[in-house]
C-alpha atoms as a PDB file:
ATOM      1  CA  THR A   1      45.660 -24.989 -28.672  1.00  0.00           C
ATOM      2  CA  SER A   2      44.967 -23.126 -25.425  1.00  0.00           C
ATOM      3  CA  LEU A   3      44.205 -19.974 -27.441  1.00  0.00           C
ATOM      4  CA  ALA A   4      41.782 -21.953 -29.598  1.00  0.00           C
ATOM      5  CA  LEU A   5      40.133 -23.350 -26.424  1.00  0.00           C
ATOM      6  CA  GLU A   6      39.796 -19.853 -24.965  1.00  0.00           C
ATOM      7  CA  GLU A   7      38.217 -18.541 -28.183  1.00  0.00           C
ATOM      8  CA  GLU A   8      35.863 -21.515 -28.291  1.00  0.00           C
ATOM      9  CA  ALA A   9      34.875 -20.961 -24.634  1.00  0.00           C
ATOM     10  CA  GLU A  10      34.260 -17.256 -25.319  1.00  0.00           C
ATOM     11  CA  GLU A  11      32.081 -18.073 -28.331  1.00  0.00           C
ATOM     12  CA  GLU A  12      30.101 -20.545 -26.200  1.00  0.00           C
ATOM     13  CA  LEU A  13      29.538 -17.892 -23.511  1.00  0.00           C
ATOM     14  CA  ASN A  14      28.383 -15.380 -26.142  1.00  0.00           C
ATOM     15  CA  ARG A  15      26.012 -17.948 -27.633  1.00  0.00           C
ATOM     16  CA  ARG A  16      24.599 -18.782 -24.190  1.00  0.00           C
ATOM     17  CA  GLY A  17      24.173 -15.088 -23.421  1.00  0.00           C
ATOM     18  CA  LYS A  18      22.288 -14.523 -26.662  1.00  0.00           C
ATOM     19  CA  ASP A  19      20.118 -17.588 -26.006  1.00  0.00           C
ATOM     20  CA  LYS A  20      19.365 -16.339 -22.509  1.00  0.00           C
ATOM     21  CA  GLU A  21      18.414 -12.902 -23.896  1.00  0.00           C
ATOM     22  CA  ARG A  22      16.133 -14.498 -26.525  1.00  0.00           C
ATOM     23  CA  ARG A  23      14.399 -16.581 -23.833  1.00  0.00           C
ATOM     24  CA  ARG A  24      13.860 -13.472 -21.696  1.00  0.00           C
ATOM     25  CA  GLU A  25      12.402 -11.568 -24.658  1.00  0.00           C
ATOM     26  CA  ASN A  26      10.096 -14.488 -25.416  1.00  0.00           C
ATOM     27  CA  ARG A  27       8.892 -14.546 -21.791  1.00  0.00           C
ATOM     28  CA  VAL A  28       8.138 -10.816 -21.938  1.00  0.00           C
ATOM     29  CA  LYS A  29       6.259 -11.226 -25.233  1.00  0.00           C
ATOM     30  CA  THR A  30       4.300 -14.171 -23.800  1.00  0.00           C
ATOM     31  CA  LYS A  31       3.343 -12.167 -20.694  1.00  0.00           C
ATOM     32  CA  ASP A  32       2.242  -9.221 -22.842  1.00  0.00           C
ATOM     33  CA  ARG A  33       0.165 -11.543 -25.040  1.00  0.00           C
ATOM     34  CA  GLU A  34      -1.410 -13.199 -21.967  1.00  0.00           C
ATOM     35  CA  LYS A  35      -2.245  -9.780 -20.499  1.00  0.00           C
ATOM     36  CA  LYS A  36      -3.946  -8.706 -23.733  1.00  0.00           C
ATOM     37  CA  GLU A  37      -5.879 -11.976 -23.806  1.00  0.00           C
ATOM     38  CA  LYS A  38      -6.995 -11.457 -20.191  1.00  0.00           C
ATOM     39  CA  ASP A  39      -8.182  -7.937 -20.980  1.00  0.00           C
ATOM     40  CA  THR A  40     -10.209  -9.163 -23.933  1.00  0.00           C
ATOM     41  CA  LYS A  41     -11.720 -12.044 -21.935  1.00  0.00           C
ATOM     42  CA  VAL A  42     -13.922  -9.657 -19.929  1.00  0.00           C
ATOM     43  CA  PRO A  43     -17.393  -9.876 -21.494  1.00  0.00           C
ATOM     44  CA  PRO A  44     -18.704  -6.523 -22.717  1.00  0.00           C
ATOM     45  CA  ALA A  45     -21.705  -6.729 -20.368  1.00  0.00           C
ATOM     46  CA  LEU A  46     -19.346  -6.947 -17.366  1.00  0.00           C
ATOM     47  CA  ARG A  47     -16.810  -4.439 -18.643  1.00  0.00           C
ATOM     48  CA  SER A  48     -18.549  -1.456 -17.015  1.00  0.00           C
ATOM     49  CA  PHE A  49     -18.512  -3.206 -13.609  1.00  0.00           C
ATOM     50  CA  TYR A  50     -14.886  -4.204 -14.103  1.00  0.00           C
ATOM     51  CA  ASP A  51     -13.985  -0.580 -14.790  1.00  0.00           C
ATOM     52  CA  LEU A  52     -15.808   0.526 -11.619  1.00  0.00           C
ATOM     53  CA  ILE A  53     -13.888  -1.742  -9.259  1.00  0.00           C
ATOM     54  CA  LEU A  54     -10.451  -1.531 -10.828  1.00  0.00           C
ATOM     55  CA  LEU A  55      -7.849   0.157  -8.621  1.00  0.00           C
ATOM     56  CA  ARG A  56      -4.525   1.176 -10.126  1.00  0.00           C
ATOM     57  CA  GLY A  57      -1.426   1.155  -7.963  1.00  0.00           C
ATOM     58  CA  LYS A  58       0.370   4.500  -8.036  1.00  0.00           C
ATOM     59  CA  ALA A  59       3.302   5.916  -6.127  1.00  0.00           C
ATOM     60  CA  LEU A  60       2.385   8.179  -3.241  1.00  0.00           C
ATOM     61  CA  ASP A  61       2.777  11.838  -4.217  1.00  0.00           C
ATOM     62  CA  LEU A  62       1.451  14.223  -1.588  1.00  0.00           C
ATOM     63  CA  THR A  63       2.100  17.269  -3.776  1.00  0.00           C
ATOM     64  CA  ALA A  64       0.088  16.185  -6.851  1.00  0.00           C
ATOM     65  CA  LEU A  65      -3.524  16.127  -5.735  1.00  0.00           C
ATOM     66  CA  SER A  66      -4.812  17.094  -9.165  1.00  0.00           C
ATOM     67  CA  GLY A  67      -4.437  15.140 -12.365  1.00  0.00           C
ATOM     68  CA  ARG A  68      -4.906  11.785 -10.658  1.00  0.00           C
ATOM     69  CA  SER A  69      -7.833   9.409 -10.788  1.00  0.00           C
ATOM     70  CA  ALA A  70      -9.979   8.628  -7.766  1.00  0.00           C
ATOM     71  CA  ARG A  71      -9.277   4.957  -8.571  1.00  0.00           C
ATOM     72  CA  ASP A  72      -5.569   5.349  -7.802  1.00  0.00           C
ATOM     73  CA  ILE A  73      -4.316   3.523  -4.730  1.00  0.00           C
ATOM     74  CA  CYS A  74      -0.923   3.757  -3.064  1.00  0.00           C
ATOM     75  CA  SER A  75       0.628   1.249  -0.702  1.00  0.00           C
ATOM     76  CA  LEU A  76       2.709   2.194   2.319  1.00  0.00           C
ATOM     77  CA  ASN A  77       4.478   0.045   4.833  1.00  0.00           C
ATOM     78  CA  GLU A  78       4.023   0.953   8.478  1.00  0.00           C
ATOM     79  CA  GLY A  79       7.435   2.642   8.720  1.00  0.00           C
ATOM     80  CA  ARG A  80       6.683   5.077   5.920  1.00  0.00           C
ATOM     81  CA  LEU A  81       3.234   5.740   7.390  1.00  0.00           C
ATOM     82  CA  MET A  82       4.792   6.584  10.763  1.00  0.00           C
ATOM     83  CA  ARG A  83       7.316   8.981   9.167  1.00  0.00           C
ATOM     84  CA  LEU A  84       4.663  10.711   7.058  1.00  0.00           C
ATOM     85  CA  SER A  85       2.211  10.973   9.948  1.00  0.00           C
ATOM     86  CA  ARG A  86       4.881  12.706  12.040  1.00  0.00           C
ATOM     87  CA  GLN A  87       6.223  14.980   9.300  1.00  0.00           C
ATOM     88  CA  ARG A  88       3.283  15.618   6.938  1.00  0.00           C
ATOM     89  CA  LEU A  89       0.088  14.597   8.726  1.00  0.00           C
ATOM     90  CA  ILE A  90      -2.121  17.249   7.112  1.00  0.00           C
ATOM     91  CA  ASP A  91      -0.853  16.466   3.584  1.00  0.00           C
ATOM     92  CA  LEU A  92      -1.439  12.760   4.159  1.00  0.00           C
ATOM     93  CA  GLN A  93      -4.976  13.351   5.423  1.00  0.00           C
ATOM     94  CA  GLN A  94      -5.762  15.599   2.445  1.00  0.00           C
ATOM     95  CA  HIS A  95      -4.378  12.959   0.060  1.00  0.00           C
ATOM     96  CA  ASN A  96      -6.542  10.290   1.704  1.00  0.00           C
ATOM     97  CA  ARG A  97      -9.663  12.419   1.332  1.00  0.00           C
ATOM     98  CA  LYS A  98      -9.408  12.010  -2.450  1.00  0.00           C
ATOM     99  CA  PHE A  99      -7.395   8.838  -3.047  1.00  0.00           C
ATOM    100  CA  MET A 100      -7.119   5.345  -1.630  1.00  0.00           C
ATOM    101  CA  ALA A 101      -4.229   4.302   0.612  1.00  0.00           C
ATOM    102  CA  ARG A 102      -3.326   0.846   1.847  1.00  0.00           C
ATOM    103  CA  VAL A 103      -1.017   0.270   4.803  1.00  0.00           C
ATOM    104  CA  TYR A 104       0.653  -3.052   5.500  1.00  0.00           C
ATOM    105  CA  PRO A 105       2.925  -4.382   8.268  1.00  0.00           C
ATOM    106  CA  ALA A 106       6.680  -4.137   7.858  1.00  0.00           C
ATOM    107  CA  GLY A 107       8.392  -7.135   6.335  1.00  0.00           C
ATOM    108  CA  SER A 108      10.512  -7.429   9.472  1.00  0.00           C
ATOM    109  CA  ARG A 109       7.475  -8.638  11.455  1.00  0.00           C
ATOM    110  CA  VAL A 110       8.308 -12.298  11.033  1.00  0.00           C
ATOM    111  CA  LEU A 111       6.467 -13.354  14.210  1.00  0.00           C
ATOM    112  CA  SER A 112       3.101 -12.082  12.906  1.00  0.00           C
ATOM    113  CA  SER A 113       3.043  -9.115  15.262  1.00  0.00           C
ATOM    114  CA  ASN A 114       1.157  -5.965  14.281  1.00  0.00           C
ATOM    115  CA  PHE A 115       1.450  -2.204  14.265  1.00  0.00           C
ATOM    116  CA  ASN A 116      -1.169   0.079  15.808  1.00  0.00           C
ATOM    117  CA  PRO A 117      -3.957   0.456  13.175  1.00  0.00           C
ATOM    118  CA  THR A 118      -5.373   3.519  14.939  1.00  0.00           C
ATOM    119  CA  ILE A 119      -2.589   5.686  13.526  1.00  0.00           C
ATOM    120  CA  ALA A 120      -3.449   4.622   9.958  1.00  0.00           C
ATOM    121  CA  TRP A 121      -7.149   5.264  10.586  1.00  0.00           C
ATOM    122  CA  LEU A 122      -6.410   8.735  11.997  1.00  0.00           C
ATOM    123  CA  CYS A 123      -4.414   9.503   8.850  1.00  0.00           C
ATOM    124  CA  GLY A 124      -7.471   8.553   6.767  1.00  0.00           C
ATOM    125  CA  CYS A 125      -6.054   5.349   5.259  1.00  0.00           C
ATOM    126  CA  GLN A 126      -8.848   3.226   3.826  1.00  0.00           C
ATOM    127  CA  ILE A 127      -7.235  -0.223   3.884  1.00  0.00           C
ATOM    128  CA  VAL A 128      -5.183  -1.315   6.888  1.00  0.00           C
ATOM    129  CA  SER A 129      -3.721  -4.786   6.536  1.00  0.00           C
ATOM    130  CA  LEU A 130      -2.966  -6.714   9.707  1.00  0.00           C
ATOM    131  CA  ASN A 131      -1.595 -10.129  10.583  1.00  0.00           C
ATOM    132  CA  HIS A 132      -4.333 -12.264  12.132  1.00  0.00           C
ATOM    133  CA  GLN A 133      -2.280 -15.358  12.942  1.00  0.00           C
ATOM    134  CA  VAL A 134      -2.088 -14.340  16.600  1.00  0.00           C
ATOM    135  CA  ILE A 135      -4.406 -12.275  18.771  1.00  0.00           C
ATOM    136  CA  THR A 136      -2.764  -8.946  19.525  1.00  0.00           C
ATOM    137  CA  LEU A 137      -3.981  -5.572  20.730  1.00  0.00           C
ATOM    138  CA  ALA A 138      -4.020  -4.431  17.083  1.00  0.00           C
ATOM    139  CA  SER A 139      -6.304  -7.282  15.974  1.00  0.00           C
ATOM    140  CA  ILE A 140      -8.615  -6.602  18.949  1.00  0.00           C
ATOM    141  CA  LEU A 141      -8.745  -2.889  18.022  1.00  0.00           C
ATOM    142  CA  SER A 142      -9.541  -3.809  14.438  1.00  0.00           C
ATOM    143  CA  GLU A 143     -12.281  -6.225  15.484  1.00  0.00           C
ATOM    144  CA  GLY A 144     -13.794  -3.583  17.775  1.00  0.00           C
ATOM    145  CA  ARG A 145     -13.636  -0.903  15.070  1.00  0.00           C
ATOM    146  CA  PHE A 146     -15.754  -2.958  12.713  1.00  0.00           C
ATOM    147  CA  LEU A 147     -18.338  -3.996  15.328  1.00  0.00           C
ATOM    148  CA  GLU A 148     -19.902  -0.611  14.585  1.00  0.00           C
ATOM    149  CA  ASN A 149     -21.048  -1.940  11.199  1.00  0.00           C
ATOM    150  CA  GLY A 150     -21.830  -5.600  11.736  1.00  0.00           C
ATOM    151  CA  GLY A 151     -18.450  -6.927  12.800  1.00  0.00           C
ATOM    152  CA  SER A 152     -15.576  -8.275  10.778  1.00  0.00           C
ATOM    153  CA  ALA A 153     -17.989  -9.885   8.300  1.00  0.00           C
ATOM    154  CA  CYS A 154     -18.710  -6.407   6.904  1.00  0.00           C
ATOM    155  CA  GLY A 155     -15.183  -4.992   6.841  1.00  0.00           C
ATOM    156  CA  TYR A 156     -16.300  -1.423   6.145  1.00  0.00           C
ATOM    157  CA  VAL A 157     -16.822   1.614   8.366  1.00  0.00           C
ATOM    158  CA  LEU A 158     -17.395   5.121   7.030  1.00  0.00           C
ATOM    159  CA  LYS A 159     -14.633   7.550   7.939  1.00  0.00           C
ATOM    160  CA  PRO A 160     -15.593  10.478  10.179  1.00  0.00           C
ATOM    161  CA  PRO A 161     -16.510  13.738   8.401  1.00  0.00           C
ATOM    162  CA  LEU A 162     -13.184  15.366   9.360  1.00  0.00           C
ATOM    163  CA  LEU A 163     -11.369  12.762   7.246  1.00  0.00           C
ATOM    164  CA  ARG A 164     -13.845  12.758   4.348  1.00  0.00           C
ATOM    165  CA  GLU A 165     -14.751  16.373   3.653  1.00  0.00           C
ATOM    166  CA  ALA A 166     -12.345  18.798   2.073  1.00  0.00           C
ATOM    167  CA  GLY A 167     -12.203  21.926   4.129  1.00  0.00           C
ATOM    168  CA  GLY A 168      -8.761  21.990   5.586  1.00  0.00           C
ATOM    169  CA  GLN A 169     -10.003  20.778   8.953  1.00  0.00           C
ATOM    170  CA  LYS A 170      -7.433  18.930  10.979  1.00  0.00           C
ATOM    171  CA  VAL A 171      -7.830  16.100  13.425  1.00  0.00           C
ATOM    172  CA  MET A 172      -5.676  16.167  16.534  1.00  0.00           C
ATOM    173  CA  ASP A 173      -1.971  15.951  15.804  1.00  0.00           C
ATOM    174  CA  PHE A 174      -1.694  12.863  17.969  1.00  0.00           C
ATOM    175  CA  PHE A 175       2.104  12.739  17.938  1.00  0.00           C
ATOM    176  CA  LYS A 176       2.442  16.208  19.456  1.00  0.00           C
ATOM    177  CA  GLU A 177      -0.206  15.270  22.018  1.00  0.00           C
ATOM    178  CA  GLU A 178       1.590  12.000  22.886  1.00  0.00           C
ATOM    179  CA  THR A 179       4.841  13.904  23.345  1.00  0.00           C
ATOM    180  CA  ALA A 180       3.221  16.477  25.604  1.00  0.00           C
ATOM    181  CA  VAL A 181       1.552  13.770  27.740  1.00  0.00           C
ATOM    182  CA  ALA A 182       4.823  11.821  27.978  1.00  0.00           C
ATOM    183  CA  GLU A 183       6.729  14.968  28.985  1.00  0.00           C
ATOM    184  CA  ARG A 184       4.173  15.788  31.706  1.00  0.00           C
ATOM    185  CA  ALA A 185       4.327  12.214  33.013  1.00  0.00           C
ATOM    186  CA  CYS A 186       8.146  12.291  33.198  1.00  0.00           C
ATOM    187  CA  THR A 187       8.399  15.673  34.858  1.00  0.00           C
ATOM    188  CA  PRO A 188       8.931  15.421  38.649  1.00  0.00           C
ATOM    189  CA  ALA A 189       6.200  17.034  40.738  1.00  0.00           C
END
């Protein structure tokens, strides 16, 4: 009888597994159907505007500057931004001349602290997300940056020509400069 119980238990597990798989497939089909319905719900008169504002999330690829759409946007956390700005600043700036980039705080910032947004702006990133639960130096810098164009109500400031125009021009490599300043400050007179 124990063998029969084991076989019965195994059959029950197989049945449950198949049921679980069917439910998952049904959820996927439902999501696909809902997505198609959403796409068709956009009235034809608004479709051209919808196509203008649509941004598609793409992985960051600093080597493939051709064959991509200007509506592609990549998202970076602050750690990846810091690494890329130290190792491949010029490539990152060239990428951000053609494509959109969004930078967001690291998930480890559980106390709503912020990273320095100036670094993202110097790299040409268009969207810099900050935590505004507490007033920090970063939120003050952000507020001051947008005073140039009507304050935080506007939320847009045109990048300087060095970060907009293709021409291979380079802004200051601020990490090398910081290192040099720090070394001079630490050197005994």
